[in-house]
Amino acid sequence: LLIKQIRVALNKTGKVVTSTTMGFGGPEDPLAK
């Protein structure tokens, strides 16, 4: 509820991309991994 809003805003700047295959607790997107 907090982090997703931050990710969306940063991604929209074009200066940041968020990894969905690396992260604490395992990949967010197993298929992409």
PDB file of all heavy atoms in Angstrom:
ATOM      1  N   LEU A   1       0.827  -1.199   0.000  1.00  0.00           N
ATOM      2  CA  LEU A   1       0.000   0.000   0.000  1.00  0.00           C
ATOM      3  C   LEU A   1       0.865   1.254   0.000  1.00  0.00           C
ATOM      4  O   LEU A   1       0.445   2.310  -0.477  1.00  0.00           O
ATOM      5  CB  LEU A   1      -0.930   0.013   1.225  1.00  0.00           C
ATOM      6  CG  LEU A   1      -2.085  -0.991   1.193  1.00  0.00           C
ATOM      7  CD1 LEU A   1      -2.740  -1.100   2.560  1.00  0.00           C
ATOM      8  CD2 LEU A   1      -3.112  -0.564   0.147  1.00  0.00           C
ATOM      9  N   LEU A   2       2.081   1.127   0.510  1.00  0.00           N
ATOM     10  CA  LEU A   2       3.044   2.226   0.486  1.00  0.00           C
ATOM     11  C   LEU A   2       4.025   2.077  -0.674  1.00  0.00           C
ATOM     12  O   LEU A   2       4.212   3.000  -1.474  1.00  0.00           O
ATOM     13  CB  LEU A   2       3.824   2.269   1.810  1.00  0.00           C
ATOM     14  CG  LEU A   2       5.006   3.236   1.887  1.00  0.00           C
ATOM     15  CD1 LEU A   2       4.503   4.672   1.911  1.00  0.00           C
ATOM     16  CD2 LEU A   2       5.864   2.941   3.123  1.00  0.00           C
ATOM     17  N   ILE A   3       4.649   0.899  -0.759  1.00  0.00           N
ATOM     18  CA  ILE A   3       5.752   0.698  -1.703  1.00  0.00           C
ATOM     19  C   ILE A   3       5.299   0.755  -3.156  1.00  0.00           C
ATOM     20  O   ILE A   3       6.002   1.288  -4.022  1.00  0.00           O
ATOM     21  CB  ILE A   3       6.459  -0.644  -1.417  1.00  0.00           C
ATOM     22  CG1 ILE A   3       7.002  -0.653   0.019  1.00  0.00           C
ATOM     23  CG2 ILE A   3       7.591  -0.876  -2.409  1.00  0.00           C
ATOM     24  CD1 ILE A   3       7.927   0.503   0.347  1.00  0.00           C
ATOM     25  N   LYS A   4       4.117   0.235  -3.445  1.00  0.00           N
ATOM     26  CA  LYS A   4       3.653   0.230  -4.836  1.00  0.00           C
ATOM     27  C   LYS A   4       3.470   1.645  -5.362  1.00  0.00           C
ATOM     28  O   LYS A   4       3.803   1.936  -6.523  1.00  0.00           O
ATOM     29  CB  LYS A   4       2.337  -0.541  -4.947  1.00  0.00           C
ATOM     30  CG  LYS A   4       1.957  -0.894  -6.379  1.00  0.00           C
ATOM     31  CD  LYS A   4       2.936  -1.897  -6.967  1.00  0.00           C
ATOM     32  CE  LYS A   4       2.472  -2.403  -8.322  1.00  0.00           C
ATOM     33  NZ  LYS A   4       3.376  -3.428  -8.890  1.00  0.00           N
ATOM     34  N   GLN A   5       2.958   2.532  -4.526  1.00  0.00           N
ATOM     35  CA  GLN A   5       2.797   3.923  -4.957  1.00  0.00           C
ATOM     36  C   GLN A   5       4.146   4.548  -5.281  1.00  0.00           C
ATOM     37  O   GLN A   5       4.286   5.306  -6.249  1.00  0.00           O
ATOM     38  CB  GLN A   5       2.098   4.732  -3.866  1.00  0.00           C
ATOM     39  CG  GLN A   5       0.650   4.343  -3.614  1.00  0.00           C
ATOM     40  CD  GLN A   5      -0.044   5.329  -2.700  1.00  0.00           C
ATOM     41  OE1 GLN A   5      -0.187   6.495  -3.009  1.00  0.00           O
ATOM     42  NE2 GLN A   5      -0.491   4.857  -1.540  1.00  0.00           N
ATOM     43  N   ILE A   6       5.150   4.240  -4.468  1.00  0.00           N
ATOM     44  CA  ILE A   6       6.488   4.778  -4.698  1.00  0.00           C
ATOM     45  C   ILE A   6       7.084   4.214  -5.985  1.00  0.00           C
ATOM     46  O   ILE A   6       7.668   4.939  -6.797  1.00  0.00           O
ATOM     47  CB  ILE A   6       7.399   4.459  -3.497  1.00  0.00           C
ATOM     48  CG1 ILE A   6       6.863   5.157  -2.236  1.00  0.00           C
ATOM     49  CG2 ILE A   6       8.839   4.873  -3.776  1.00  0.00           C
ATOM     50  CD1 ILE A   6       7.599   4.779  -0.968  1.00  0.00           C
ATOM     51  N   ARG A   7       6.920   2.918  -6.193  1.00  0.00           N
ATOM     52  CA  ARG A   7       7.440   2.276  -7.402  1.00  0.00           C
ATOM     53  C   ARG A   7       6.828   2.871  -8.664  1.00  0.00           C
ATOM     54  O   ARG A   7       7.536   3.159  -9.634  1.00  0.00           O
ATOM     55  CB  ARG A   7       7.162   0.774  -7.351  1.00  0.00           C
ATOM     56  CG  ARG A   7       8.024   0.011  -6.383  1.00  0.00           C
ATOM     57  CD  ARG A   7       7.585  -1.435  -6.264  1.00  0.00           C
ATOM     58  NE  ARG A   7       7.489  -2.104  -7.560  1.00  0.00           N
ATOM     59  CZ  ARG A   7       7.199  -3.391  -7.705  1.00  0.00           C
ATOM     60  NH1 ARG A   7       6.983  -4.134  -6.628  1.00  0.00           N
ATOM     61  NH2 ARG A   7       7.146  -3.940  -8.896  1.00  0.00           N
ATOM     62  N   VAL A   8       5.525   3.030  -8.646  1.00  0.00           N
ATOM     63  CA  VAL A   8       4.829   3.563  -9.821  1.00  0.00           C
ATOM     64  C   VAL A   8       5.351   4.962 -10.161  1.00  0.00           C
ATOM     65  O   VAL A   8       5.636   5.269 -11.322  1.00  0.00           O
ATOM     66  CB  VAL A   8       3.305   3.604  -9.576  1.00  0.00           C
ATOM     67  CG1 VAL A   8       2.599   4.404 -10.660  1.00  0.00           C
ATOM     68  CG2 VAL A   8       2.737   2.185  -9.530  1.00  0.00           C
ATOM     69  N   ALA A   9       5.476   5.800  -9.135  1.00  0.00           N
ATOM     70  CA  ALA A   9       5.942   7.167  -9.356  1.00  0.00           C
ATOM     71  C   ALA A   9       7.367   7.201  -9.889  1.00  0.00           C
ATOM     72  O   ALA A   9       7.691   7.969 -10.809  1.00  0.00           O
ATOM     73  CB  ALA A   9       5.832   7.968  -8.066  1.00  0.00           C
ATOM     74  N   LEU A  10       8.246   6.361  -9.330  1.00  0.00           N
ATOM     75  CA  LEU A  10       9.638   6.338  -9.784  1.00  0.00           C
ATOM     76  C   LEU A  10       9.748   5.795 -11.208  1.00  0.00           C
ATOM     77  O   LEU A  10      10.521   6.316 -12.023  1.00  0.00           O
ATOM     78  CB  LEU A  10      10.487   5.501  -8.827  1.00  0.00           C
ATOM     79  CG  LEU A  10      10.687   6.063  -7.416  1.00  0.00           C
ATOM     80  CD1 LEU A  10      11.557   5.119  -6.585  1.00  0.00           C
ATOM     81  CD2 LEU A  10      11.306   7.451  -7.463  1.00  0.00           C
ATOM     82  N   ASN A  11       8.994   4.756 -11.512  1.00  0.00           N
ATOM     83  CA  ASN A  11       9.033   4.188 -12.864  1.00  0.00           C
ATOM     84  C   ASN A  11       8.580   5.199 -13.913  1.00  0.00           C
ATOM     85  O   ASN A  11       9.087   5.221 -15.036  1.00  0.00           O
ATOM     86  CB  ASN A  11       8.164   2.930 -12.940  1.00  0.00           C
ATOM     87  CG  ASN A  11       8.831   1.727 -12.296  1.00  0.00           C
ATOM     88  OD1 ASN A  11      10.021   1.739 -12.040  1.00  0.00           O
ATOM     89  ND2 ASN A  11       8.056   0.696 -12.015  1.00  0.00           N
ATOM     90  N   LYS A  12       7.619   6.040 -13.538  1.00  0.00           N
ATOM     91  CA  LYS A  12       7.091   7.028 -14.477  1.00  0.00           C
ATOM     92  C   LYS A  12       8.106   8.119 -14.806  1.00  0.00           C
ATOM     93  O   LYS A  12       7.952   8.815 -15.806  1.00  0.00           O
ATOM     94  CB  LYS A  12       5.807   7.646 -13.929  1.00  0.00           C
ATOM     95  CG  LYS A  12       4.594   6.731 -14.018  1.00  0.00           C
ATOM     96  CD  LYS A  12       3.329   7.417 -13.542  1.00  0.00           C
ATOM     97  CE  LYS A  12       2.118   6.517 -13.723  1.00  0.00           C
ATOM     98  NZ  LYS A  12       0.860   7.175 -13.266  1.00  0.00           N
ATOM     99  N   THR A  13       9.132   8.273 -13.984  1.00  0.00           N
ATOM    100  CA  THR A  13      10.159   9.277 -14.280  1.00  0.00           C
ATOM    101  C   THR A  13      11.057   8.835 -15.433  1.00  0.00           C
ATOM    102  O   THR A  13      11.739   9.664 -16.039  1.00  0.00           O
ATOM    103  CB  THR A  13      11.048   9.539 -13.049  1.00  0.00           C
ATOM    104  OG1 THR A  13      11.819   8.365 -12.738  1.00  0.00           O
ATOM    105  CG2 THR A  13      10.210   9.944 -11.845  1.00  0.00           C
ATOM    106  N   GLY A  14      11.077   7.538 -15.713  1.00  0.00           N
ATOM    107  CA  GLY A  14      11.955   7.015 -16.745  1.00  0.00           C
ATOM    108  C   GLY A  14      13.387   6.838 -16.279  1.00  0.00           C
ATOM    109  O   GLY A  14      14.239   6.383 -17.042  1.00  0.00           O
ATOM    110  N   LYS A  15      13.654   7.184 -15.026  1.00  0.00           N
ATOM    111  CA  LYS A  15      15.003   7.082 -14.471  1.00  0.00           C
ATOM    112  C   LYS A  15      15.209   5.815 -13.650  1.00  0.00           C
ATOM    113  O   LYS A  15      16.342   5.490 -13.288  1.00  0.00           O
ATOM    114  CB  LYS A  15      15.292   8.295 -13.579  1.00  0.00           C
ATOM    115  CG  LYS A  15      15.111   9.633 -14.266  1.00  0.00           C
ATOM    116  CD  LYS A  15      16.123   9.856 -15.368  1.00  0.00           C
ATOM    117  CE  LYS A  15      15.997  11.253 -15.956  1.00  0.00           C
ATOM    118  NZ  LYS A  15      16.972  11.480 -17.058  1.00  0.00           N
ATOM    119  N   VAL A  16      14.116   5.107 -13.366  1.00  0.00           N
ATOM    120  CA  VAL A  16      14.180   3.924 -12.500  1.00  0.00           C
ATOM    121  C   VAL A  16      13.299   2.825 -13.074  1.00  0.00           C
ATOM    122  O   VAL A  16      12.198   3.101 -13.576  1.00  0.00           O
ATOM    123  CB  VAL A  16      13.704   4.259 -11.066  1.00  0.00           C
ATOM    124  CG1 VAL A  16      13.772   3.023 -10.178  1.00  0.00           C
ATOM    125  CG2 VAL A  16      14.532   5.387 -10.465  1.00  0.00           C
ATOM    126  N   VAL A  17      13.780   1.596 -13.012  1.00  0.00           N
ATOM    127  CA  VAL A  17      12.952   0.427 -13.309  1.00  0.00           C
ATOM    128  C   VAL A  17      13.041  -0.508 -12.101  1.00  0.00           C
ATOM    129  O   VAL A  17      14.091  -0.618 -11.468  1.00  0.00           O
ATOM    130  CB  VAL A  17      13.400  -0.317 -14.593  1.00  0.00           C
ATOM    131  CG1 VAL A  17      13.106   0.503 -15.820  1.00  0.00           C
ATOM    132  CG2 VAL A  17      14.875  -0.678 -14.524  1.00  0.00           C
ATOM    133  N   THR A  18      11.934  -1.133 -11.782  1.00  0.00           N
ATOM    134  CA  THR A  18      11.890  -2.011 -10.615  1.00  0.00           C
ATOM    135  C   THR A  18      12.006  -3.466 -11.042  1.00  0.00           C
ATOM    136  O   THR A  18      11.298  -3.910 -11.949  1.00  0.00           O
ATOM    137  CB  THR A  18      10.583  -1.820  -9.838  1.00  0.00           C
ATOM    138  OG1 THR A  18      10.419  -0.441  -9.530  1.00  0.00           O
ATOM    139  CG2 THR A  18      10.593  -2.620  -8.548  1.00  0.00           C
ATOM    140  N   SER A  19      12.886  -4.194 -10.400  1.00  0.00           N
ATOM    141  CA  SER A  19      13.039  -5.616 -10.694  1.00  0.00           C
ATOM    142  C   SER A  19      11.894  -6.404 -10.058  1.00  0.00           C
ATOM    143  O   SER A  19      11.572  -6.214  -8.887  1.00  0.00           O
ATOM    144  CB  SER A  19      14.373  -6.129 -10.149  1.00  0.00           C
ATOM    145  OG  SER A  19      14.446  -7.539 -10.274  1.00  0.00           O
ATOM    146  N   THR A  20      11.281  -7.265 -10.841  1.00  0.00           N
ATOM    147  CA  THR A  20      10.239  -8.149 -10.317  1.00  0.00           C
ATOM    148  C   THR A  20      10.745  -9.581 -10.147  1.00  0.00           C
ATOM    149  O   THR A  20       9.990 -10.476  -9.784  1.00  0.00           O
ATOM    150  CB  THR A  20       9.008  -8.164 -11.249  1.00  0.00           C
ATOM    151  OG1 THR A  20       9.404  -8.608 -12.548  1.00  0.00           O
ATOM    152  CG2 THR A  20       8.390  -6.778 -11.345  1.00  0.00           C
ATOM    153  N   THR A  21      12.043  -9.787 -10.429  1.00  0.00           N
ATOM    154  CA  THR A  21      12.624 -11.119 -10.268  1.00  0.00           C
ATOM    155  C   THR A  21      13.597 -11.190  -9.100  1.00  0.00           C
ATOM    156  O   THR A  21      14.035 -12.270  -8.720  1.00  0.00           O
ATOM    157  CB  THR A  21      13.365 -11.548 -11.548  1.00  0.00           C
ATOM    158  OG1 THR A  21      14.405 -10.608 -11.829  1.00  0.00           O
ATOM    159  CG2 THR A  21      12.400 -11.610 -12.728  1.00  0.00           C
ATOM    160  N   MET A  22      13.943 -10.026  -8.546  1.00  0.00           N
ATOM    161  CA  MET A  22      14.811  -9.972  -7.379  1.00  0.00           C
ATOM    162  C   MET A  22      14.097  -9.206  -6.282  1.00  0.00           C
ATOM    163  O   MET A  22      13.479  -8.168  -6.535  1.00  0.00           O
ATOM    164  CB  MET A  22      16.132  -9.266  -7.715  1.00  0.00           C
ATOM    165  CG  MET A  22      17.031 -10.022  -8.646  1.00  0.00           C
ATOM    166  SD  MET A  22      18.552  -9.073  -9.006  1.00  0.00           S
ATOM    167  CE  MET A  22      17.906  -7.815 -10.098  1.00  0.00           C
ATOM    168  N   GLY A  23      14.175  -9.724  -5.070  1.00  0.00           N
ATOM    169  CA  GLY A  23      13.545  -9.035  -3.962  1.00  0.00           C
ATOM    170  C   GLY A  23      13.528  -9.899  -2.727  1.00  0.00           C
ATOM    171  O   GLY A  23      13.712 -11.126  -2.788  1.00  0.00           O
ATOM    172  N   PHE A  24      13.309  -9.256  -1.590  1.00  0.00           N
ATOM    173  CA  PHE A  24      13.273  -9.987  -0.333  1.00  0.00           C
ATOM    174  C   PHE A  24      12.078 -10.945  -0.325  1.00  0.00           C
ATOM    175  O   PHE A  24      10.968 -10.581  -0.664  1.00  0.00           O
ATOM    176  CB  PHE A  24      13.146  -9.001   0.831  1.00  0.00           C
ATOM    177  CG  PHE A  24      13.156  -9.662   2.179  1.00  0.00           C
ATOM    178  CD1 PHE A  24      14.345 -10.050   2.770  1.00  0.00           C
ATOM    179  CD2 PHE A  24      11.968  -9.897   2.865  1.00  0.00           C
ATOM    180  CE1 PHE A  24      14.362 -10.656   4.011  1.00  0.00           C
ATOM    181  CE2 PHE A  24      11.967 -10.499   4.107  1.00  0.00           C
ATOM    182  CZ  PHE A  24      13.171 -10.879   4.683  1.00  0.00           C
ATOM    183  N   GLY A  25      12.342 -12.199   0.047  1.00  0.00           N
ATOM    184  CA  GLY A  25      11.263 -13.186   0.093  1.00  0.00           C
ATOM    185  C   GLY A  25      11.030 -13.911  -1.213  1.00  0.00           C
ATOM    186  O   GLY A  25      10.117 -14.727  -1.317  1.00  0.00           O
ATOM    187  N   GLY A  26      11.840 -13.611  -2.245  1.00  0.00           N
ATOM    188  CA  GLY A  26      11.675 -14.300  -3.513  1.00  0.00           C
ATOM    189  C   GLY A  26      11.151 -13.374  -4.589  1.00  0.00           C
ATOM    190  O   GLY A  26      10.824 -12.222  -4.337  1.00  0.00           O
ATOM    191  N   PRO A  27      11.085 -13.878  -5.829  1.00  0.00           N
ATOM    192  CA  PRO A  27      10.644 -13.034  -6.944  1.00  0.00           C
ATOM    193  C   PRO A  27       9.177 -12.651  -6.825  1.00  0.00           C
ATOM    194  O   PRO A  27       8.340 -13.447  -6.400  1.00  0.00           O
ATOM    195  CB  PRO A  27      10.882 -13.920  -8.171  1.00  0.00           C
ATOM    196  CG  PRO A  27      10.819 -15.321  -7.647  1.00  0.00           C
ATOM    197  CD  PRO A  27      11.384 -15.255  -6.261  1.00  0.00           C
ATOM    198  N   GLU A  28       8.883 -11.427  -7.213  1.00  0.00           N
ATOM    199  CA  GLU A  28       7.492 -10.974  -7.248  1.00  0.00           C
ATOM    200  C   GLU A  28       6.756 -11.624  -8.410  1.00  0.00           C
ATOM    201  O   GLU A  28       5.566 -11.920  -8.329  1.00  0.00           O
ATOM    202  CB  GLU A  28       7.456  -9.452  -7.381  1.00  0.00           C
ATOM    203  CG  GLU A  28       6.065  -8.857  -7.459  1.00  0.00           C
ATOM    204  CD  GLU A  28       6.102  -7.352  -7.630  1.00  0.00           C
ATOM    205  OE1 GLU A  28       7.163  -6.749  -7.397  1.00  0.00           O
ATOM    206  OE2 GLU A  28       5.064  -6.787  -8.000  1.00  0.00           O
ATOM    207  N   ASP A  29       7.475 -11.836  -9.507  1.00  0.00           N
ATOM    208  CA  ASP A  29       6.894 -12.446 -10.702  1.00  0.00           C
ATOM    209  C   ASP A  29       7.648 -13.738 -11.005  1.00  0.00           C
ATOM    210  O   ASP A  29       8.687 -13.727 -11.672  1.00  0.00           O
ATOM    211  CB  ASP A  29       7.005 -11.482 -11.886  1.00  0.00           C
ATOM    212  CG  ASP A  29       6.230 -11.953 -13.102  1.00  0.00           C
ATOM    213  OD1 ASP A  29       5.997 -13.176 -13.218  1.00  0.00           O
ATOM    214  OD2 ASP A  29       5.855 -11.115 -13.934  1.00  0.00           O
ATOM    215  N   PRO A  30       7.158 -14.889 -10.516  1.00  0.00           N
ATOM    216  CA  PRO A  30       7.853 -16.163 -10.730  1.00  0.00           C
ATOM    217  C   PRO A  30       8.007 -16.534 -12.201  1.00  0.00           C
ATOM    218  O   PRO A  30       9.015 -17.130 -12.589  1.00  0.00           O
ATOM    219  CB  PRO A  30       6.967 -17.184  -9.992  1.00  0.00           C
ATOM    220  CG  PRO A  30       6.215 -16.376  -8.982  1.00  0.00           C
ATOM    221  CD  PRO A  30       5.980 -15.057  -9.651  1.00  0.00           C
ATOM    222  N   LEU A  31       7.014 -16.194 -13.032  1.00  0.00           N
ATOM    223  CA  LEU A  31       7.112 -16.529 -14.450  1.00  0.00           C
ATOM    224  C   LEU A  31       8.239 -15.750 -15.118  1.00  0.00           C
ATOM    225  O   LEU A  31       8.965 -16.292 -15.960  1.00  0.00           O
ATOM    226  CB  LEU A  31       5.779 -16.231 -15.146  1.00  0.00           C
ATOM    227  CG  LEU A  31       4.622 -17.181 -14.814  1.00  0.00           C
ATOM    228  CD1 LEU A  31       3.365 -16.753 -15.558  1.00  0.00           C
ATOM    229  CD2 LEU A  31       4.978 -18.626 -15.163  1.00  0.00           C
ATOM    230  N   ALA A  32       8.376 -14.478 -14.767  1.00  0.00           N
ATOM    231  CA  ALA A  32       9.473 -13.685 -15.321  1.00  0.00           C
ATOM    232  C   ALA A  32      10.818 -14.246 -14.865  1.00  0.00           C
ATOM    233  O   ALA A  32      11.784 -14.276 -15.633  1.00  0.00           O
ATOM    234  CB  ALA A  32       9.332 -12.227 -14.906  1.00  0.00           C
ATOM    235  N   LYS A  33      10.872 -14.709 -13.637  1.00  0.00           N
ATOM    236  CA  LYS A  33      12.098 -15.311 -13.114  1.00  0.00           C
ATOM    237  C   LYS A  33      12.439 -16.586 -13.868  1.00  0.00           C
ATOM    238  O   LYS A  33      13.609 -16.814 -14.247  1.00  0.00           O
ATOM    239  CB  LYS A  33      11.936 -15.608 -11.623  1.00  0.00           C
ATOM    240  CG  LYS A  33      13.168 -16.228 -10.960  1.00  0.00           C
ATOM    241  CD  LYS A  33      14.344 -15.272 -10.954  1.00  0.00           C
ATOM    242  CE  LYS A  33      15.518 -15.840 -10.188  1.00  0.00           C
ATOM    243  NZ  LYS A  33      16.698 -14.940 -10.201  1.00  0.00           N
TER     244      LYS A  33
END
